C-alpha atoms as a PDB file:
ATOM      1  CA  MET A   1     -73.171  41.751  38.824  1.00  0.00           C
ATOM      2  CA  THR A   2     -70.100  39.121  37.820  1.00  0.00           C
ATOM      3  CA  ILE A   3     -70.664  35.570  36.116  1.00  0.00           C
ATOM      4  CA  VAL A   4     -67.710  34.439  36.668  1.00  0.00           C
ATOM      5  CA  GLY A   5     -65.924  30.498  36.734  1.00  0.00           C
ATOM      6  CA  GLN A   6     -68.003  27.413  36.728  1.00  0.00           C
ATOM      7  CA  ILE A   7     -72.325  28.062  37.290  1.00  0.00           C
ATOM      8  CA  GLU A   8     -73.142  26.085  40.164  1.00  0.00           C
ATOM      9  CA  GLY A   9     -75.918  24.107  40.132  1.00  0.00           C
ATOM     10  CA  HIS A  10     -77.437  21.543  42.507  1.00  0.00           C
ATOM     11  CA  MET A  11     -74.482  19.995  43.237  1.00  0.00           C
ATOM     12  CA  ILE A  12     -71.690  21.482  45.226  1.00  0.00           C
ATOM     13  CA  LEU A  13     -68.610  21.810  43.597  1.00  0.00           C
ATOM     14  CA  PRO A  14     -65.056  21.606  44.970  1.00  0.00           C
ATOM     15  CA  PRO A  15     -63.545  23.932  46.691  1.00  0.00           C
ATOM     16  CA  GLN A  16     -60.709  24.760  45.005  1.00  0.00           C
ATOM     17  CA  ASN A  17     -63.025  26.015  41.786  1.00  0.00           C
ATOM     18  CA  LYS A  18     -64.463  28.915  41.492  1.00  0.00           C
ATOM     19  CA  THR A  19     -68.516  29.439  41.493  1.00  0.00           C
ATOM     20  CA  THR A  20     -70.575  31.612  40.492  1.00  0.00           C
ATOM     21  CA  LYS A  21     -73.759  30.088  42.793  1.00  0.00           C
ATOM     22  CA  TYR A  22     -77.073  30.473  41.295  1.00  0.00           C
ATOM     23  CA  GLU A  23     -78.763  30.565  44.292  1.00  0.00           C
ATOM     24  CA  HIS A  24     -77.286  33.965  44.947  1.00  0.00           C
ATOM     25  CA  ILE A  25     -77.695  35.296  41.878  1.00  0.00           C
ATOM     26  CA  ILE A  26     -81.497  34.972  41.411  1.00  0.00           C
ATOM     27  CA  PRO A  27     -82.287  36.597  44.914  1.00  0.00           C
ATOM     28  CA  GLN A  28     -80.126  39.081  43.743  1.00  0.00           C
ATOM     29  CA  LEU A  29     -81.427  39.985  40.802  1.00  0.00           C
ATOM     30  CA  VAL A  30     -84.919  39.869  42.489  1.00  0.00           C
ATOM     31  CA  ALA A  31     -84.014  42.815  44.500  1.00  0.00           C
ATOM     32  CA  ILE A  32     -82.530  44.303  41.911  1.00  0.00           C
ATOM     33  CA  GLU A  33     -85.720  44.461  39.714  1.00  0.00           C
ATOM     34  CA  GLN A  34     -87.433  45.705  43.209  1.00  0.00           C
ATOM     35  CA  ASN A  35     -85.230  48.291  44.438  1.00  0.00           C
ATOM     36  CA  PRO A  36     -86.537  51.080  42.537  1.00  0.00           C
ATOM     37  CA  LYS A  37     -82.795  53.485  43.493  1.00  0.00           C
ATOM     38  CA  ILE A  38     -81.801  50.862  40.828  1.00  0.00           C
ATOM     39  CA  LEU A  39     -82.094  51.858  36.837  1.00  0.00           C
ATOM     40  CA  GLY A  40     -80.347  49.430  35.302  1.00  0.00           C
ATOM     41  CA  LEU A  41     -77.370  46.489  35.045  1.00  0.00           C
ATOM     42  CA  LEU A  42     -74.614  45.527  33.676  1.00  0.00           C
ATOM     43  CA  VAL A  43     -73.803  42.449  33.922  1.00  0.00           C
ATOM     44  CA  ILE A  44     -70.113  40.441  33.446  1.00  0.00           C
ATOM     45  CA  LEU A  45     -69.347  37.417  32.240  1.00  0.00           C
ATOM     46  CA  ASN A  46     -66.097  35.322  32.821  1.00  0.00           C
ATOM     47  CA  THR A  47     -67.181  32.056  32.968  1.00  0.00           C
ATOM     48  CA  VAL A  48     -66.634  28.295  31.788  1.00  0.00           C
ATOM     49  CA  GLY A  49     -70.134  27.167  32.055  1.00  0.00           C
ATOM     50  CA  GLY A  50     -71.159  25.126  34.455  1.00  0.00           C
ATOM     51  CA  ASP A  51     -75.086  23.501  35.405  1.00  0.00           C
ATOM     52  CA  VAL A  52     -77.187  23.453  32.493  1.00  0.00           C
ATOM     53  CA  GLU A  53     -80.717  24.418  34.553  1.00  0.00           C
ATOM     54  CA  ALA A  54     -78.741  26.485  36.469  1.00  0.00           C
ATOM     55  CA  GLY A  55     -77.641  28.915  33.777  1.00  0.00           C
ATOM     56  CA  LEU A  56     -81.439  28.838  31.979  1.00  0.00           C
ATOM     57  CA  ALA A  57     -82.929  30.482  35.631  1.00  0.00           C
ATOM     58  CA  ILE A  58     -80.547  32.996  35.434  1.00  0.00           C
ATOM     59  CA  ALA A  59     -81.014  33.785  31.973  1.00  0.00           C
ATOM     60  CA  GLU A  60     -84.674  33.601  31.661  1.00  0.00           C
ATOM     61  CA  MET A  61     -84.681  36.187  34.979  1.00  0.00           C
ATOM     62  CA  LEU A  62     -82.399  38.328  32.916  1.00  0.00           C
ATOM     63  CA  ALA A  63     -84.518  38.048  29.952  1.00  0.00           C
ATOM     64  CA  THR A  64     -87.522  39.011  32.133  1.00  0.00           C
ATOM     65  CA  MET A  65     -86.665  41.696  33.888  1.00  0.00           C
ATOM     66  CA  SER A  66     -88.445  45.598  33.287  1.00  0.00           C
ATOM     67  CA  LYS A  67     -85.193  47.033  33.561  1.00  0.00           C
ATOM     68  CA  PRO A  68     -82.503  48.037  30.674  1.00  0.00           C
ATOM     69  CA  THR A  69     -80.011  44.902  31.021  1.00  0.00           C
ATOM     70  CA  VAL A  70     -76.045  44.794  29.115  1.00  0.00           C
ATOM     71  CA  SER A  71     -73.910  42.111  29.391  1.00  0.00           C
ATOM     72  CA  LEU A  72     -70.190  42.214  28.831  1.00  0.00           C
ATOM     73  CA  VAL A  73     -68.187  38.722  27.716  1.00  0.00           C
ATOM     74  CA  LEU A  74     -64.851  39.461  28.753  1.00  0.00           C
ATOM     75  CA  GLY A  75     -61.667  36.150  29.184  1.00  0.00           C
ATOM     76  CA  GLY A  76     -64.848  33.313  28.036  1.00  0.00           C
ATOM     77  CA  GLY A  77     -68.955  33.189  27.663  1.00  0.00           C
ATOM     78  CA  HIS A  78     -68.330  29.496  27.340  1.00  0.00           C
ATOM     79  CA  SER A  79     -71.214  26.737  27.391  1.00  0.00           C
ATOM     80  CA  ILE A  80     -74.264  27.776  29.285  1.00  0.00           C
ATOM     81  CA  GLY A  81     -72.803  31.869  29.370  1.00  0.00           C
ATOM     82  CA  VAL A  82     -74.091  31.432  25.782  1.00  0.00           C
ATOM     83  CA  PRO A  83     -77.452  32.411  27.019  1.00  0.00           C
ATOM     84  CA  ILE A  84     -76.282  34.219  29.745  1.00  0.00           C
ATOM     85  CA  ALA A  85     -74.814  36.445  27.440  1.00  0.00           C
ATOM     86  CA  VAL A  86     -77.608  36.990  25.073  1.00  0.00           C
ATOM     87  CA  ALA A  87     -80.697  37.140  27.598  1.00  0.00           C
ATOM     88  CA  ALA A  88     -79.485  41.215  28.796  1.00  0.00           C
ATOM     89  CA  GLY A  89     -81.201  43.668  26.518  1.00  0.00           C
ATOM     90  CA  HIS A  90     -77.913  44.453  24.937  1.00  0.00           C
ATOM     91  CA  SER A  91     -74.733  42.367  24.676  1.00  0.00           C
ATOM     92  CA  PHE A  92     -71.297  43.364  24.300  1.00  0.00           C
ATOM     93  CA  ILE A  93     -68.268  40.913  23.727  1.00  0.00           C
ATOM     94  CA  ALA A  94     -64.737  41.999  23.986  1.00  0.00           C
ATOM     95  CA  GLU A  95     -62.130  40.960  21.275  1.00  0.00           C
ATOM     96  CA  THR A  96     -59.790  39.060  22.133  1.00  0.00           C
ATOM     97  CA  ALA A  97     -63.057  37.163  24.504  1.00  0.00           C
ATOM     98  CA  THR A  98     -64.486  33.933  23.403  1.00  0.00           C
ATOM     99  CA  MET A  99     -67.698  31.823  23.286  1.00  0.00           C
ATOM    100  CA  THR A 100     -68.019  28.224  23.063  1.00  0.00           C
ATOM    101  CA  ILE A 101     -71.237  27.082  21.636  1.00  0.00           C
ATOM    102  CA  HIS A 102     -70.981  22.863  22.003  1.00  0.00           C
ATOM    103  CA  PRO A 103     -74.266  20.083  22.628  1.00  0.00           C
ATOM    104  CA  ILE A 104     -75.117  19.691  26.485  1.00  0.00           C
ATOM    105  CA  ARG A 105     -73.125  17.631  28.202  1.00  0.00           C
ATOM    106  CA  LEU A 106     -74.092  15.471  31.360  1.00  0.00           C
ATOM    107  CA  THR A 107     -72.109  14.022  34.070  1.00  0.00           C
ATOM    108  CA  GLY A 108     -72.253  11.501  36.316  1.00  0.00           C
ATOM    109  CA  MET A 109     -74.423   8.266  36.257  1.00  0.00           C
ATOM    110  CA  VAL A 110     -76.315   7.192  32.936  1.00  0.00           C
ATOM    111  CA  ILE A 111     -79.038   5.206  32.412  1.00  0.00           C
ATOM    112  CA  GLY A 112     -78.276   3.662  28.994  1.00  0.00           C
ATOM    113  CA  VAL A 113     -82.250   3.683  27.738  1.00  0.00           C
ATOM    114  CA  PRO A 114     -83.351   6.103  25.495  1.00  0.00           C
ATOM    115  CA  GLN A 115     -85.591   8.203  28.162  1.00  0.00           C
ATOM    116  CA  THR A 116     -81.911   9.598  28.705  1.00  0.00           C
ATOM    117  CA  PHE A 117     -81.015  10.571  25.341  1.00  0.00           C
ATOM    118  CA  GLU A 118     -84.661  12.226  24.397  1.00  0.00           C
ATOM    119  CA  TYR A 119     -83.951  14.288  28.504  1.00  0.00           C
ATOM    120  CA  LEU A 120     -80.609  15.568  26.450  1.00  0.00           C
ATOM    121  CA  GLU A 121     -82.475  16.287  23.799  1.00  0.00           C
ATOM    122  CA  LYS A 122     -85.197  18.455  25.282  1.00  0.00           C
ATOM    123  CA  MET A 123     -82.942  19.869  27.680  1.00  0.00           C
ATOM    124  CA  GLN A 124     -80.910  21.231  24.168  1.00  0.00           C
ATOM    125  CA  GLU A 125     -84.112  22.139  22.522  1.00  0.00           C
ATOM    126  CA  ARG A 126     -84.577  24.798  25.216  1.00  0.00           C
ATOM    127  CA  VAL A 127     -80.848  26.453  25.014  1.00  0.00           C
ATOM    128  CA  VAL A 128     -81.323  26.211  21.201  1.00  0.00           C
ATOM    129  CA  ARG A 129     -84.507  27.890  21.784  1.00  0.00           C
ATOM    130  CA  PHE A 130     -84.141  30.669  24.254  1.00  0.00           C
ATOM    131  CA  VAL A 131     -80.286  31.505  21.963  1.00  0.00           C
ATOM    132  CA  VAL A 132     -81.911  32.251  19.115  1.00  0.00           C
ATOM    133  CA  ASN A 133     -85.117  33.741  20.933  1.00  0.00           C
ATOM    134  CA  ASN A 134     -82.732  36.333  21.982  1.00  0.00           C
ATOM    135  CA  SER A 135     -80.510  36.952  19.871  1.00  0.00           C
ATOM    136  CA  GLY A 136     -79.513  37.762  16.113  1.00  0.00           C
ATOM    137  CA  ILE A 137     -78.854  33.825  15.034  1.00  0.00           C
ATOM    138  CA  SER A 138     -81.129  31.631  13.483  1.00  0.00           C
ATOM    139  CA  THR A 139     -81.847  28.142  14.592  1.00  0.00           C
ATOM    140  CA  GLU A 140     -79.464  26.339  11.943  1.00  0.00           C
ATOM    141  CA  ARG A 141     -76.453  28.812  12.165  1.00  0.00           C
ATOM    142  CA  PHE A 142     -76.545  27.850  15.737  1.00  0.00           C
ATOM    143  CA  ARG A 143     -76.815  24.160  15.704  1.00  0.00           C
ATOM    144  CA  GLU A 144     -74.212  24.031  12.642  1.00  0.00           C
ATOM    145  CA  LEU A 145     -72.068  25.791  15.141  1.00  0.00           C
ATOM    146  CA  MET A 146     -73.208  23.576  18.308  1.00  0.00           C
ATOM    147  CA  PHE A 147     -72.729  20.284  15.756  1.00  0.00           C
ATOM    148  CA  ARG A 148     -69.426  21.398  13.899  1.00  0.00           C
ATOM    149  CA  THR A 149     -66.575  18.704  14.060  1.00  0.00           C
ATOM    150  CA  GLY A 150     -63.240  19.267  13.152  1.00  0.00           C
ATOM    151  CA  GLU A 151     -62.385  22.346  15.240  1.00  0.00           C
ATOM    152  CA  LEU A 152     -62.205  21.359  18.774  1.00  0.00           C
ATOM    153  CA  ALA A 153     -59.714  18.436  19.535  1.00  0.00           C
ATOM    154  CA  ARG A 154     -61.621  15.612  20.816  1.00  0.00           C
ATOM    155  CA  ASP A 155     -64.686  17.102  21.037  1.00  0.00           C
ATOM    156  CA  ILE A 156     -68.004  18.524  19.033  1.00  0.00           C
ATOM    157  CA  GLY A 157     -68.950  22.440  18.798  1.00  0.00           C
ATOM    158  CA  THR A 158     -67.153  25.672  17.601  1.00  0.00           C
ATOM    159  CA  VAL A 159     -65.115  28.362  19.291  1.00  0.00           C
ATOM    160  CA  ILE A 160     -65.645  31.953  18.105  1.00  0.00           C
ATOM    161  CA  VAL A 161     -63.831  35.120  19.415  1.00  0.00           C
ATOM    162  CA  GLY A 162     -65.099  38.325  19.847  1.00  0.00           C
ATOM    163  CA  LYS A 163     -66.161  40.087  16.040  1.00  0.00           C
ATOM    164  CA  GLU A 164     -67.336  36.673  15.349  1.00  0.00           C
ATOM    165  CA  ALA A 165     -69.746  36.206  17.856  1.00  0.00           C
ATOM    166  CA  VAL A 166     -71.409  39.709  16.256  1.00  0.00           C
ATOM    167  CA  GLN A 167     -70.825  38.702  12.982  1.00  0.00           C
ATOM    168  CA  GLU A 168     -72.925  35.487  13.591  1.00  0.00           C
ATOM    169  CA  GLY A 169     -76.010  37.578  15.876  1.00  0.00           C
ATOM    170  CA  LEU A 170     -75.347  35.916  19.216  1.00  0.00           C
ATOM    171  CA  ILE A 171     -74.097  39.623  19.840  1.00  0.00           C
ATOM    172  CA  ASP A 172     -74.681  42.771  19.276  1.00  0.00           C
ATOM    173  CA  ASP A 173     -71.214  44.679  19.630  1.00  0.00           C
ATOM    174  CA  VAL A 174     -67.463  44.361  20.100  1.00  0.00           C
ATOM    175  CA  GLY A 175     -66.824  46.454  23.365  1.00  0.00           C
ATOM    176  CA  GLY A 176     -65.642  46.202  27.131  1.00  0.00           C
ATOM    177  CA  LEU A 177     -66.522  48.369  30.289  1.00  0.00           C
ATOM    178  CA  ALA A 178     -66.910  51.884  28.213  1.00  0.00           C
ATOM    179  CA  GLN A 179     -68.542  50.778  25.935  1.00  0.00           C
ATOM    180  CA  ALA A 180     -71.355  48.905  28.168  1.00  0.00           C
ATOM    181  CA  LEU A 181     -71.816  51.340  30.721  1.00  0.00           C
ATOM    182  CA  SER A 182     -71.995  54.097  28.073  1.00  0.00           C
ATOM    183  CA  LYS A 183     -75.143  51.813  26.346  1.00  0.00           C
ATOM    184  CA  LEU A 184     -76.319  51.070  29.708  1.00  0.00           C
ATOM    185  CA  ARG A 185     -77.080  55.036  30.663  1.00  0.00           C
ATOM    186  CA  GLN A 186     -78.277  55.172  26.961  1.00  0.00           C
ATOM    187  CA  MET A 187     -80.494  52.535  27.857  1.00  0.00           C
ATOM    188  CA  CYS A 188     -81.483  54.344  32.100  1.00  0.00           C
ATOM    189  CA  HIS A 189     -81.698  57.653  30.105  1.00  0.00           C
ATOM    190  CA  ILE A 190     -78.751  58.827  31.672  1.00  0.00           C
ATOM    191  CA  GLY A 191     -76.682  62.035  31.192  1.00  0.00           C
ATOM    192  CA  ALA A 192     -72.978  60.945  30.225  1.00  0.00           C
ATOM    193  CA  GLU A 193     -71.303  61.627  33.510  1.00  0.00           C
END
């Protein structure tokens, strides 16, 4: 299964955007979980992120599957792609792939009231809690990376590359397709082919 481009949520993105539609992914995950012929799932990510609710829904589905799951970040697993990457039973990142960790953003009309900020805080806490519960990074370190200043021009957050994601405890291993498939076969108790 591939998660590519922008993760589309409740709003349809313009046709020139490459998107992954959560309403397509979720039924596929249900079908995979229910199909006795499917022993495991490899999720390949190259995403810029996207809708937080949709991304978390996909991540929750992956994390709660009974079948073995392996994720592989190629190119990028940015923003809400981070929870999806760590949701798998075992995660890989290509040596040159990157992950961007940053605070939640909001587009469209924003009502300037305290409740808007509280909503963003709650949403952000859901993301932090999910990532921490499904990886080896601590809450403090993840927040530190999320709120780092000076690294991104005109922005706040951190970009980490390949091995750095493993060193931070976000991703399990640096590797590519061969390593991801080998790990999935091992998790499914299938001999090397």
